[in-house]
């Protein structure tokens, strides 16, 4: 099978196109013929984080495909089913290949209303956004939410889910993406490159601040986000926790949510490991019912994966980048 293989970590450019043997399945696993895979920030982050590798790794977290083979412990009829899933980070058989392997417990059947490309755009971004909105936040209709990075994959889903739950949405993005985020439902878009973000938020909210904040950017801006939360406000940190050393205890009763959705897949607790498939079913059902849509999709060729991971790192893409195999 064709695959992009990482044999040495440290850089996205270390991925090489190779021909590999189709992987074998363990008793509780499925072999999936990959029909589509979307790019995820965790892909380039993993490539840069890994050091010297004893065995090669195929990256690719967001996978949609057809089940071709099932391990001996799987008794339900699954061969031929269309499935999508979020690959666990320690699984070396990811979606940047013609075939991938996954534990059966993590997959979700693709609703008939969705094709493989749409399904591949769901896992990392859609499941993380759903988890934040429904599992972590204590939602109150009529509140205001700040979404840092609204044009990205997670942000694109969050804007829609926030509007679905009756929230007023303020988001940051580059000016070229204003039309995109407003089409998704954002009430206010702030250009983080040229505008005073927090000054604008204070103006929009008449100095009151926001009820919720989701930060997909990093620790520094997450720390600043805490300043514009209302009393009892909540912040979800996707790309780094705020610096709590700068925060005065017993001031506003703020809740800080660390978002590490991928760790549900690697948890040793059996109940925790059920969450990804449950979340996949919930978010795909919303899309199938037309209540939210998948973000704007740009399809690329298989050989362009490393180039677009670099562009993603440089924040030069919006929506979801999907490879259709």
C-alpha atoms as a PDB file:
ATOM      1  CA  UNK A   1       0.000   0.000   0.000  1.00  0.00           C
ATOM      2  CA  UNK A   2       1.115   3.581  -0.542  1.00  0.00           C
ATOM      3  CA  UNK A   3       1.740   5.604   2.599  1.00  0.00           C
ATOM      4  CA  UNK A   4       3.477   8.655   3.990  1.00  0.00           C
ATOM      5  CA  UNK A   5       5.864   7.253   6.582  1.00  0.00           C
ATOM      6  CA  UNK A   6       7.654   8.966   9.449  1.00  0.00           C
ATOM      7  CA  UNK A   7      10.844   7.147  10.459  1.00  0.00           C
ATOM      8  CA  UNK A   8      12.489  10.091  12.236  1.00  0.00           C
ATOM      9  CA  UNK A   9      10.575  12.688  14.224  1.00  0.00           C
ATOM     10  CA  UNK A  10      11.332  16.379  14.590  1.00  0.00           C
ATOM     11  CA  UNK A  11       9.958  17.808  11.362  1.00  0.00           C
ATOM     12  CA  UNK A  12       7.027  17.427   8.972  1.00  0.00           C
ATOM     13  CA  UNK A  13       9.535  17.223   6.129  1.00  0.00           C
ATOM     14  CA  UNK A  14      10.778  13.901   7.500  1.00  0.00           C
ATOM     15  CA  UNK A  15       7.664  12.160   6.150  1.00  0.00           C
ATOM     16  CA  UNK A  16       8.503  10.064   3.115  1.00  0.00           C
ATOM     17  CA  UNK A  17       6.327   8.399   0.499  1.00  0.00           C
ATOM     18  CA  UNK A  18       6.829   4.616   0.645  1.00  0.00           C
ATOM     19  CA  UNK A  19       5.249   1.300  -0.251  1.00  0.00           C
ATOM     20  CA  UNK A  20       4.353  -0.714   2.870  1.00  0.00           C
ATOM     21  CA  UNK A  21       2.757  -4.057   3.590  1.00  0.00           C
ATOM     22  CA  UNK A  22      -0.947  -3.894   4.475  1.00  0.00           C
ATOM     23  CA  UNK A  23      -1.000  -4.065   8.293  1.00  0.00           C
ATOM     24  CA  UNK A  24      -2.295  -7.127  10.124  1.00  0.00           C
ATOM     25  CA  UNK A  25      -5.211  -6.826  12.552  1.00  0.00           C
ATOM     26  CA  UNK A  26      -5.228  -7.890  16.200  1.00  0.00           C
ATOM     27  CA  UNK A  27      -8.240  -9.738  17.668  1.00  0.00           C
ATOM     28  CA  UNK A  28     -10.156  -6.549  18.607  1.00  0.00           C
ATOM     29  CA  UNK A  29      -9.174  -4.463  15.589  1.00  0.00           C
ATOM     30  CA  UNK A  30     -10.499  -3.564  12.152  1.00  0.00           C
ATOM     31  CA  UNK A  31      -8.663  -3.104   8.873  1.00  0.00           C
ATOM     32  CA  UNK A  32     -10.066  -0.030   7.122  1.00  0.00           C
ATOM     33  CA  UNK A  33      -9.608   0.875   3.472  1.00  0.00           C
ATOM     34  CA  UNK A  34      -9.055   4.625   3.722  1.00  0.00           C
ATOM     35  CA  UNK A  35     -11.327   6.578   1.391  1.00  0.00           C
ATOM     36  CA  UNK A  36     -10.676  10.016   2.891  1.00  0.00           C
ATOM     37  CA  UNK A  37      -8.482  11.536   5.576  1.00  0.00           C
ATOM     38  CA  UNK A  38      -8.430  15.111   6.795  1.00  0.00           C
ATOM     39  CA  UNK A  39      -5.441  17.034   8.090  1.00  0.00           C
ATOM     40  CA  UNK A  40      -5.293  17.957  11.754  1.00  0.00           C
ATOM     41  CA  UNK A  41      -2.911  20.244  13.698  1.00  0.00           C
ATOM     42  CA  UNK A  42      -2.035  17.237  15.856  1.00  0.00           C
ATOM     43  CA  UNK A  43      -0.471  15.618  12.778  1.00  0.00           C
ATOM     44  CA  UNK A  44       2.297  18.195  12.412  1.00  0.00           C
ATOM     45  CA  UNK A  45       2.577  18.607  16.189  1.00  0.00           C
ATOM     46  CA  UNK A  46       3.149  14.870  16.574  1.00  0.00           C
ATOM     47  CA  UNK A  47       5.722  14.820  13.777  1.00  0.00           C
ATOM     48  CA  UNK A  48       7.682  17.592  15.471  1.00  0.00           C
ATOM     49  CA  UNK A  49       7.370  16.137  18.969  1.00  0.00           C
ATOM     50  CA  UNK A  50       8.534  12.603  18.178  1.00  0.00           C
ATOM     51  CA  UNK A  51      12.222  11.765  18.382  1.00  0.00           C
ATOM     52  CA  UNK A  52      14.037   8.761  16.970  1.00  0.00           C
ATOM     53  CA  UNK A  53      11.526   6.024  16.151  1.00  0.00           C
ATOM     54  CA  UNK A  54      12.093   2.300  16.618  1.00  0.00           C
ATOM     55  CA  UNK A  55       9.278   1.494  14.197  1.00  0.00           C
ATOM     56  CA  UNK A  56       7.848   3.664  11.407  1.00  0.00           C
ATOM     57  CA  UNK A  57       4.697   5.686  12.045  1.00  0.00           C
ATOM     58  CA  UNK A  58       1.930   6.598   9.611  1.00  0.00           C
ATOM     59  CA  UNK A  59       0.228   9.783  10.784  1.00  0.00           C
ATOM     60  CA  UNK A  60      -3.335  10.889   9.999  1.00  0.00           C
ATOM     61  CA  UNK A  61      -5.933  11.177  12.780  1.00  0.00           C
ATOM     62  CA  UNK A  62      -9.209  11.907  10.983  1.00  0.00           C
ATOM     63  CA  UNK A  63     -10.148   8.827   8.985  1.00  0.00           C
ATOM     64  CA  UNK A  64     -13.150   7.675   6.956  1.00  0.00           C
ATOM     65  CA  UNK A  65     -13.262   4.412   5.060  1.00  0.00           C
ATOM     66  CA  UNK A  66     -14.648   0.941   4.493  1.00  0.00           C
ATOM     67  CA  UNK A  67     -14.101  -2.001   6.846  1.00  0.00           C
ATOM     68  CA  UNK A  68     -12.245  -4.740   4.974  1.00  0.00           C
ATOM     69  CA  UNK A  69     -11.305  -7.185   7.732  1.00  0.00           C
ATOM     70  CA  UNK A  70     -12.194  -7.786  11.386  1.00  0.00           C
ATOM     71  CA  UNK A  71     -10.234  -9.409  14.191  1.00  0.00           C
ATOM     72  CA  UNK A  72     -11.336 -12.748  15.601  1.00  0.00           C
ATOM     73  CA  UNK A  73     -12.943 -11.239  18.724  1.00  0.00           C
ATOM     74  CA  UNK A  74     -15.362  -9.086  16.726  1.00  0.00           C
ATOM     75  CA  UNK A  75     -18.626 -10.966  16.303  1.00  0.00           C
ATOM     76  CA  UNK A  76     -20.884  -8.254  14.861  1.00  0.00           C
ATOM     77  CA  UNK A  77     -21.141  -8.001  11.034  1.00  0.00           C
ATOM     78  CA  UNK A  78     -18.891  -5.096  10.129  1.00  0.00           C
ATOM     79  CA  UNK A  79     -17.282  -6.031   6.798  1.00  0.00           C
ATOM     80  CA  UNK A  80     -18.208  -3.494   4.137  1.00  0.00           C
ATOM     81  CA  UNK A  81     -19.534  -0.901   6.561  1.00  0.00           C
ATOM     82  CA  UNK A  82     -18.642   2.755   6.053  1.00  0.00           C
ATOM     83  CA  UNK A  83     -17.021   4.101   9.205  1.00  0.00           C
ATOM     84  CA  UNK A  84     -15.157   7.122  10.489  1.00  0.00           C
ATOM     85  CA  UNK A  85     -13.047   7.580  13.590  1.00  0.00           C
ATOM     86  CA  UNK A  86     -10.390   9.529  15.424  1.00  0.00           C
ATOM     87  CA  UNK A  87      -7.159   7.531  15.567  1.00  0.00           C
ATOM     88  CA  UNK A  88      -5.487   7.240  18.954  1.00  0.00           C
ATOM     89  CA  UNK A  89      -2.124   8.978  19.054  1.00  0.00           C
ATOM     90  CA  UNK A  90      -0.124   5.819  19.888  1.00  0.00           C
ATOM     91  CA  UNK A  91      -1.541   3.839  16.964  1.00  0.00           C
ATOM     92  CA  UNK A  92       1.174   3.695  14.244  1.00  0.00           C
ATOM     93  CA  UNK A  93      -1.299   2.862  11.447  1.00  0.00           C
ATOM     94  CA  UNK A  94      -2.910   6.202  10.635  1.00  0.00           C
ATOM     95  CA  UNK A  95      -4.820   7.581   7.698  1.00  0.00           C
ATOM     96  CA  UNK A  96      -2.002   8.860   5.496  1.00  0.00           C
ATOM     97  CA  UNK A  97      -2.066   5.482   3.757  1.00  0.00           C
ATOM     98  CA  UNK A  98      -4.371   3.310   1.676  1.00  0.00           C
ATOM     99  CA  UNK A  99      -5.167   1.112   4.689  1.00  0.00           C
ATOM    100  CA  UNK A 100      -5.373   1.817   8.411  1.00  0.00           C
ATOM    101  CA  UNK A 101      -6.005  -0.239  11.542  1.00  0.00           C
ATOM    102  CA  UNK A 102      -8.093   0.727  14.562  1.00  0.00           C
ATOM    103  CA  UNK A 103      -9.695  -0.858  17.631  1.00  0.00           C
ATOM    104  CA  UNK A 104     -13.315  -1.580  16.762  1.00  0.00           C
ATOM    105  CA  UNK A 105     -14.607   0.288  19.845  1.00  0.00           C
ATOM    106  CA  UNK A 106     -13.551   3.662  18.437  1.00  0.00           C
ATOM    107  CA  UNK A 107     -15.392   3.587  15.093  1.00  0.00           C
ATOM    108  CA  UNK A 108     -18.760   5.085  14.223  1.00  0.00           C
ATOM    109  CA  UNK A 109     -20.844   4.173  11.200  1.00  0.00           C
ATOM    110  CA  UNK A 110     -21.167   7.008   8.680  1.00  0.00           C
ATOM    111  CA  UNK A 111     -24.774   8.236   8.344  1.00  0.00           C
ATOM    112  CA  UNK A 112     -26.170   7.560   4.877  1.00  0.00           C
ATOM    113  CA  UNK A 113     -26.596  11.314   4.311  1.00  0.00           C
ATOM    114  CA  UNK A 114     -22.809  11.873   4.405  1.00  0.00           C
ATOM    115  CA  UNK A 115     -20.057  10.872   1.991  1.00  0.00           C
ATOM    116  CA  UNK A 116     -16.519   9.876   2.918  1.00  0.00           C
ATOM    117  CA  UNK A 117     -15.113  13.385   2.448  1.00  0.00           C
ATOM    118  CA  UNK A 118     -17.648  14.915   4.822  1.00  0.00           C
ATOM    119  CA  UNK A 119     -17.120  12.130   7.348  1.00  0.00           C
ATOM    120  CA  UNK A 120     -13.357  12.641   7.315  1.00  0.00           C
ATOM    121  CA  UNK A 121     -13.901  16.303   8.216  1.00  0.00           C
ATOM    122  CA  UNK A 122     -15.715  15.333  11.425  1.00  0.00           C
ATOM    123  CA  UNK A 123     -13.431  13.520  13.914  1.00  0.00           C
ATOM    124  CA  UNK A 124     -10.772  15.763  15.458  1.00  0.00           C
ATOM    125  CA  UNK A 125     -12.393  19.153  14.995  1.00  0.00           C
ATOM    126  CA  UNK A 126     -16.068  18.212  15.204  1.00  0.00           C
ATOM    127  CA  UNK A 127     -15.721  15.856  18.138  1.00  0.00           C
ATOM    128  CA  UNK A 128     -13.566  18.324  20.083  1.00  0.00           C
ATOM    129  CA  UNK A 129     -16.045  21.150  19.481  1.00  0.00           C
ATOM    130  CA  UNK A 130     -18.993  18.983  20.534  1.00  0.00           C
ATOM    131  CA  UNK A 131     -17.122  17.858  23.652  1.00  0.00           C
ATOM    132  CA  UNK A 132     -16.453  21.460  24.660  1.00  0.00           C
ATOM    133  CA  UNK A 133     -19.978  22.658  24.064  1.00  0.00           C
ATOM    134  CA  UNK A 134     -21.960  19.784  25.560  1.00  0.00           C
ATOM    135  CA  UNK A 135     -19.665  17.904  27.940  1.00  0.00           C
ATOM    136  CA  UNK A 136     -17.635  20.725  29.499  1.00  0.00           C
ATOM    137  CA  UNK A 137     -19.559  24.009  29.365  1.00  0.00           C
ATOM    138  CA  UNK A 138     -22.626  24.588  31.522  1.00  0.00           C
ATOM    139  CA  UNK A 139     -24.703  26.203  28.782  1.00  0.00           C
ATOM    140  CA  UNK A 140     -27.084  29.064  29.415  1.00  0.00           C
ATOM    141  CA  UNK A 141     -29.085  30.325  26.440  1.00  0.00           C
ATOM    142  CA  UNK A 142     -28.539  33.995  25.717  1.00  0.00           C
ATOM    143  CA  UNK A 143     -24.918  34.146  26.808  1.00  0.00           C
ATOM    144  CA  UNK A 144     -21.938  35.417  24.829  1.00  0.00           C
ATOM    145  CA  UNK A 145     -19.008  33.293  23.724  1.00  0.00           C
ATOM    146  CA  UNK A 146     -15.557  34.268  22.475  1.00  0.00           C
ATOM    147  CA  UNK A 147     -14.044  31.774  20.020  1.00  0.00           C
ATOM    148  CA  UNK A 148     -10.368  32.431  19.359  1.00  0.00           C
ATOM    149  CA  UNK A 149      -9.554  31.116  15.880  1.00  0.00           C
ATOM    150  CA  UNK A 150     -13.034  30.811  14.409  1.00  0.00           C
ATOM    151  CA  UNK A 151     -11.880  30.029  10.861  1.00  0.00           C
ATOM    152  CA  UNK A 152     -10.061  26.833  11.891  1.00  0.00           C
ATOM    153  CA  UNK A 153     -11.568  23.379  12.047  1.00  0.00           C
ATOM    154  CA  UNK A 154     -12.573  23.414  15.730  1.00  0.00           C
ATOM    155  CA  UNK A 155     -13.682  27.042  15.498  1.00  0.00           C
ATOM    156  CA  UNK A 156     -15.833  26.371  12.434  1.00  0.00           C
ATOM    157  CA  UNK A 157     -17.824  23.758  14.329  1.00  0.00           C
ATOM    158  CA  UNK A 158     -17.937  25.781  17.545  1.00  0.00           C
ATOM    159  CA  UNK A 159     -19.498  28.806  15.875  1.00  0.00           C
ATOM    160  CA  UNK A 160     -22.333  26.660  14.556  1.00  0.00           C
ATOM    161  CA  UNK A 161     -22.852  24.781  17.826  1.00  0.00           C
ATOM    162  CA  UNK A 162     -22.873  28.050  19.768  1.00  0.00           C
ATOM    163  CA  UNK A 163     -25.576  29.500  17.536  1.00  0.00           C
ATOM    164  CA  UNK A 164     -27.526  26.242  17.752  1.00  0.00           C
ATOM    165  CA  UNK A 165     -27.557  26.753  21.521  1.00  0.00           C
ATOM    166  CA  UNK A 166     -28.675  30.377  21.420  1.00  0.00           C
ATOM    167  CA  UNK A 167     -25.336  32.055  22.136  1.00  0.00           C
ATOM    168  CA  UNK A 168     -24.045  35.337  20.746  1.00  0.00           C
ATOM    169  CA  UNK A 169     -20.720  34.646  19.017  1.00  0.00           C
ATOM    170  CA  UNK A 170     -17.607  36.821  18.924  1.00  0.00           C
ATOM    171  CA  UNK A 171     -14.705  35.277  17.036  1.00  0.00           C
ATOM    172  CA  UNK A 172     -11.184  36.192  15.980  1.00  0.00           C
ATOM    173  CA  UNK A 173      -9.676  35.443  12.585  1.00  0.00           C
ATOM    174  CA  UNK A 174      -7.865  37.237   9.789  1.00  0.00           C
ATOM    175  CA  UNK A 175      -9.922  39.781   7.865  1.00  0.00           C
ATOM    176  CA  UNK A 176      -9.932  37.629   4.725  1.00  0.00           C
ATOM    177  CA  UNK A 177     -12.000  35.055   6.656  1.00  0.00           C
ATOM    178  CA  UNK A 178     -14.680  37.475   7.927  1.00  0.00           C
ATOM    179  CA  UNK A 179     -17.245  36.399   5.332  1.00  0.00           C
ATOM    180  CA  UNK A 180     -16.558  32.736   6.092  1.00  0.00           C
ATOM    181  CA  UNK A 181     -17.068  32.947   9.858  1.00  0.00           C
ATOM    182  CA  UNK A 182     -20.136  35.170   9.494  1.00  0.00           C
ATOM    183  CA  UNK A 183     -21.645  32.658   7.088  1.00  0.00           C
ATOM    184  CA  UNK A 184     -21.171  30.046   9.816  1.00  0.00           C
ATOM    185  CA  UNK A 185     -23.102  32.268  12.219  1.00  0.00           C
ATOM    186  CA  UNK A 186     -20.609  34.572  13.962  1.00  0.00           C
ATOM    187  CA  UNK A 187     -22.197  37.814  15.127  1.00  0.00           C
ATOM    188  CA  UNK A 188     -18.897  39.689  15.373  1.00  0.00           C
ATOM    189  CA  UNK A 189     -15.515  39.029  13.739  1.00  0.00           C
ATOM    190  CA  UNK A 190     -12.323  40.664  15.014  1.00  0.00           C
ATOM    191  CA  UNK A 191      -9.108  40.811  13.005  1.00  0.00           C
ATOM    192  CA  UNK A 192      -6.504  39.598  15.479  1.00  0.00           C
ATOM    193  CA  UNK A 193      -3.715  40.985  13.276  1.00  0.00           C
ATOM    194  CA  UNK A 194      -4.823  44.619  13.125  1.00  0.00           C
ATOM    195  CA  UNK A 195      -7.407  45.237  15.867  1.00  0.00           C
ATOM    196  CA  UNK A 196      -7.338  45.593  19.632  1.00  0.00           C
ATOM    197  CA  UNK A 197      -9.091  42.296  20.318  1.00  0.00           C
ATOM    198  CA  UNK A 198      -9.924  42.863  23.978  1.00  0.00           C
ATOM    199  CA  UNK A 199     -10.860  46.487  23.468  1.00  0.00           C
ATOM    200  CA  UNK A 200     -13.335  45.407  20.782  1.00  0.00           C
ATOM    201  CA  UNK A 201     -14.784  42.713  23.049  1.00  0.00           C
ATOM    202  CA  UNK A 202     -15.340  45.259  25.813  1.00  0.00           C
ATOM    203  CA  UNK A 203     -17.075  47.582  23.346  1.00  0.00           C
ATOM    204  CA  UNK A 204     -19.281  44.804  21.957  1.00  0.00           C
ATOM    205  CA  UNK A 205     -20.320  43.646  25.446  1.00  0.00           C
ATOM    206  CA  UNK A 206     -20.625  47.144  26.966  1.00  0.00           C
ATOM    207  CA  UNK A 207     -17.684  46.341  29.257  1.00  0.00           C
ATOM    208  CA  UNK A 208     -19.487  43.267  30.681  1.00  0.00           C
ATOM    209  CA  UNK A 209     -17.232  40.614  29.103  1.00  0.00           C
ATOM    210  CA  UNK A 210     -18.179  37.157  27.891  1.00  0.00           C
ATOM    211  CA  UNK A 211     -19.721  34.107  29.530  1.00  0.00           C
ATOM    212  CA  UNK A 212     -17.567  31.581  27.684  1.00  0.00           C
ATOM    213  CA  UNK A 213     -14.223  31.579  25.891  1.00  0.00           C
ATOM    214  CA  UNK A 214     -12.646  28.886  23.745  1.00  0.00           C
ATOM    215  CA  UNK A 215      -8.981  29.364  22.984  1.00  0.00           C
ATOM    216  CA  UNK A 216      -7.437  27.374  20.116  1.00  0.00           C
ATOM    217  CA  UNK A 217      -4.355  29.616  19.875  1.00  0.00           C
ATOM    218  CA  UNK A 218      -2.096  29.147  22.904  1.00  0.00           C
ATOM    219  CA  UNK A 219      -1.388  29.800  26.572  1.00  0.00           C
ATOM    220  CA  UNK A 220      -0.550  33.493  26.234  1.00  0.00           C
ATOM    221  CA  UNK A 221      -3.868  34.457  24.666  1.00  0.00           C
ATOM    222  CA  UNK A 222      -5.763  32.028  26.923  1.00  0.00           C
ATOM    223  CA  UNK A 223      -4.347  33.929  29.889  1.00  0.00           C
ATOM    224  CA  UNK A 224      -5.612  37.208  28.431  1.00  0.00           C
ATOM    225  CA  UNK A 225      -9.013  35.645  27.718  1.00  0.00           C
ATOM    226  CA  UNK A 226      -9.566  35.104  31.433  1.00  0.00           C
ATOM    227  CA  UNK A 227      -9.548  38.861  31.982  1.00  0.00           C
ATOM    228  CA  UNK A 228     -12.666  39.392  29.867  1.00  0.00           C
ATOM    229  CA  UNK A 229     -14.722  36.564  31.392  1.00  0.00           C
ATOM    230  CA  UNK A 230     -17.759  37.504  33.443  1.00  0.00           C
ATOM    231  CA  UNK A 231     -18.196  36.333  37.021  1.00  0.00           C
ATOM    232  CA  UNK A 232     -18.736  32.571  36.876  1.00  0.00           C
ATOM    233  CA  UNK A 233     -17.403  32.454  33.323  1.00  0.00           C
ATOM    234  CA  UNK A 234     -15.825  29.405  31.712  1.00  0.00           C
ATOM    235  CA  UNK A 235     -12.809  29.000  29.455  1.00  0.00           C
ATOM    236  CA  UNK A 236     -11.885  25.937  27.388  1.00  0.00           C
ATOM    237  CA  UNK A 237      -8.176  25.732  26.571  1.00  0.00           C
ATOM    238  CA  UNK A 238      -7.447  23.652  23.464  1.00  0.00           C
ATOM    239  CA  UNK A 239      -3.825  24.625  22.764  1.00  0.00           C
ATOM    240  CA  UNK A 240      -2.378  25.415  26.177  1.00  0.00           C
ATOM    241  CA  UNK A 241      -3.632  26.281  29.648  1.00  0.00           C
ATOM    242  CA  UNK A 242      -3.736  29.869  30.881  1.00  0.00           C
ATOM    243  CA  UNK A 243      -0.990  30.951  33.271  1.00  0.00           C
ATOM    244  CA  UNK A 244      -2.771  30.640  36.602  1.00  0.00           C
ATOM    245  CA  UNK A 245       0.130  32.276  38.463  1.00  0.00           C
ATOM    246  CA  UNK A 246      -1.120  35.602  37.102  1.00  0.00           C
ATOM    247  CA  UNK A 247      -4.643  35.041  38.401  1.00  0.00           C
ATOM    248  CA  UNK A 248      -5.925  36.230  41.760  1.00  0.00           C
ATOM    249  CA  UNK A 249      -7.790  33.470  43.557  1.00  0.00           C
ATOM    250  CA  UNK A 250     -11.332  34.117  44.779  1.00  0.00           C
ATOM    251  CA  UNK A 251     -12.063  36.886  42.310  1.00  0.00           C
ATOM    252  CA  UNK A 252     -14.553  35.807  39.643  1.00  0.00           C
ATOM    253  CA  UNK A 253     -15.300  32.132  40.244  1.00  0.00           C
ATOM    254  CA  UNK A 254     -13.955  31.130  36.834  1.00  0.00           C
ATOM    255  CA  UNK A 255     -13.906  27.529  35.559  1.00  0.00           C
ATOM    256  CA  UNK A 256     -10.951  26.415  33.424  1.00  0.00           C
ATOM    257  CA  UNK A 257     -11.455  23.359  31.201  1.00  0.00           C
ATOM    258  CA  UNK A 258      -8.395  21.562  29.872  1.00  0.00           C
ATOM    259  CA  UNK A 259      -9.390  20.070  26.513  1.00  0.00           C
ATOM    260  CA  UNK A 260      -7.476  16.888  25.752  1.00  0.00           C
ATOM    261  CA  UNK A 261     -10.051  14.914  23.802  1.00  0.00           C
ATOM    262  CA  UNK A 262      -7.527  12.539  22.282  1.00  0.00           C
ATOM    263  CA  UNK A 263      -6.700  11.214  25.739  1.00  0.00           C
ATOM    264  CA  UNK A 264     -10.108   9.546  25.886  1.00  0.00           C
ATOM    265  CA  UNK A 265      -8.715   7.117  23.329  1.00  0.00           C
ATOM    266  CA  UNK A 266      -5.642   6.211  25.371  1.00  0.00           C
ATOM    267  CA  UNK A 267      -7.252   6.121  28.809  1.00  0.00           C
ATOM    268  CA  UNK A 268      -7.032   2.856  30.729  1.00  0.00           C
ATOM    269  CA  UNK A 269     -10.639   3.284  31.892  1.00  0.00           C
ATOM    270  CA  UNK A 270     -13.127   1.283  29.798  1.00  0.00           C
ATOM    271  CA  UNK A 271     -15.990   3.748  30.338  1.00  0.00           C
ATOM    272  CA  UNK A 272     -13.810   6.686  29.299  1.00  0.00           C
ATOM    273  CA  UNK A 273     -12.881   4.879  26.075  1.00  0.00           C
ATOM    274  CA  UNK A 274     -16.565   4.770  25.079  1.00  0.00           C
ATOM    275  CA  UNK A 275     -16.757   8.559  24.817  1.00  0.00           C
ATOM    276  CA  UNK A 276     -15.123   9.009  21.370  1.00  0.00           C
ATOM    277  CA  UNK A 277     -17.578   6.713  19.544  1.00  0.00           C
ATOM    278  CA  UNK A 278     -20.515   8.254  21.434  1.00  0.00           C
ATOM    279  CA  UNK A 279     -19.334  11.736  20.519  1.00  0.00           C
ATOM    280  CA  UNK A 280     -18.788  10.723  16.890  1.00  0.00           C
ATOM    281  CA  UNK A 281     -22.367   9.478  16.673  1.00  0.00           C
ATOM    282  CA  UNK A 282     -23.745  12.637  18.274  1.00  0.00           C
ATOM    283  CA  UNK A 283     -21.916  15.121  16.054  1.00  0.00           C
ATOM    284  CA  UNK A 284     -22.491  13.130  12.838  1.00  0.00           C
ATOM    285  CA  UNK A 285     -26.205  12.958  13.676  1.00  0.00           C
ATOM    286  CA  UNK A 286     -26.338  16.759  13.924  1.00  0.00           C
ATOM    287  CA  UNK A 287     -24.689  17.059  10.505  1.00  0.00           C
ATOM    288  CA  UNK A 288     -26.915  14.380   8.965  1.00  0.00           C
ATOM    289  CA  UNK A 289     -30.010  16.194  10.296  1.00  0.00           C
ATOM    290  CA  UNK A 290     -28.849  19.478   8.777  1.00  0.00           C
ATOM    291  CA  UNK A 291     -28.549  21.242  12.132  1.00  0.00           C
ATOM    292  CA  UNK A 292     -24.891  22.053  11.504  1.00  0.00           C
ATOM    293  CA  UNK A 293     -22.655  21.593   8.483  1.00  0.00           C
ATOM    294  CA  UNK A 294     -19.109  20.437   7.983  1.00  0.00           C
ATOM    295  CA  UNK A 295     -16.653  23.331   7.591  1.00  0.00           C
ATOM    296  CA  UNK A 296     -15.619  24.492   4.147  1.00  0.00           C
ATOM    297  CA  UNK A 297     -13.599  21.634   2.643  1.00  0.00           C
ATOM    298  CA  UNK A 298     -10.595  21.936   0.378  1.00  0.00           C
ATOM    299  CA  UNK A 299      -9.668  18.647  -1.283  1.00  0.00           C
ATOM    300  CA  UNK A 300      -6.002  18.003  -2.028  1.00  0.00           C
ATOM    301  CA  UNK A 301      -3.995  15.214  -3.631  1.00  0.00           C
ATOM    302  CA  UNK A 302      -2.331  12.543  -1.506  1.00  0.00           C
ATOM    303  CA  UNK A 303       1.175  13.690  -2.392  1.00  0.00           C
ATOM    304  CA  UNK A 304       0.419  17.232  -1.162  1.00  0.00           C
ATOM    305  CA  UNK A 305      -0.095  16.212   2.492  1.00  0.00           C
ATOM    306  CA  UNK A 306       3.308  17.477   3.805  1.00  0.00           C
ATOM    307  CA  UNK A 307       2.921  20.835   2.028  1.00  0.00           C
ATOM    308  CA  UNK A 308      -0.528  21.461   3.475  1.00  0.00           C
ATOM    309  CA  UNK A 309       0.494  20.396   6.971  1.00  0.00           C
ATOM    310  CA  UNK A 310       3.120  23.128   6.773  1.00  0.00           C
ATOM    311  CA  UNK A 311       0.525  25.644   5.572  1.00  0.00           C
ATOM    312  CA  UNK A 312      -1.732  24.576   8.446  1.00  0.00           C
ATOM    313  CA  UNK A 313       1.098  25.172  10.893  1.00  0.00           C
ATOM    314  CA  UNK A 314       1.558  28.650   9.413  1.00  0.00           C
ATOM    315  CA  UNK A 315      -2.213  29.275   9.823  1.00  0.00           C
ATOM    316  CA  UNK A 316      -2.624  29.832   6.083  1.00  0.00           C
ATOM    317  CA  UNK A 317      -5.674  27.575   5.688  1.00  0.00           C
ATOM    318  CA  UNK A 318      -9.217  27.652   7.009  1.00  0.00           C
ATOM    319  CA  UNK A 319     -11.948  25.069   7.335  1.00  0.00           C
ATOM    320  CA  UNK A 320     -10.825  21.494   6.689  1.00  0.00           C
ATOM    321  CA  UNK A 321      -8.223  20.063   4.297  1.00  0.00           C
ATOM    322  CA  UNK A 322      -9.272  16.596   3.089  1.00  0.00           C
ATOM    323  CA  UNK A 323      -7.461  13.988   0.968  1.00  0.00           C
ATOM    324  CA  UNK A 324      -9.775  11.756  -1.068  1.00  0.00           C
ATOM    325  CA  UNK A 325      -7.978   8.491  -1.839  1.00  0.00           C
END
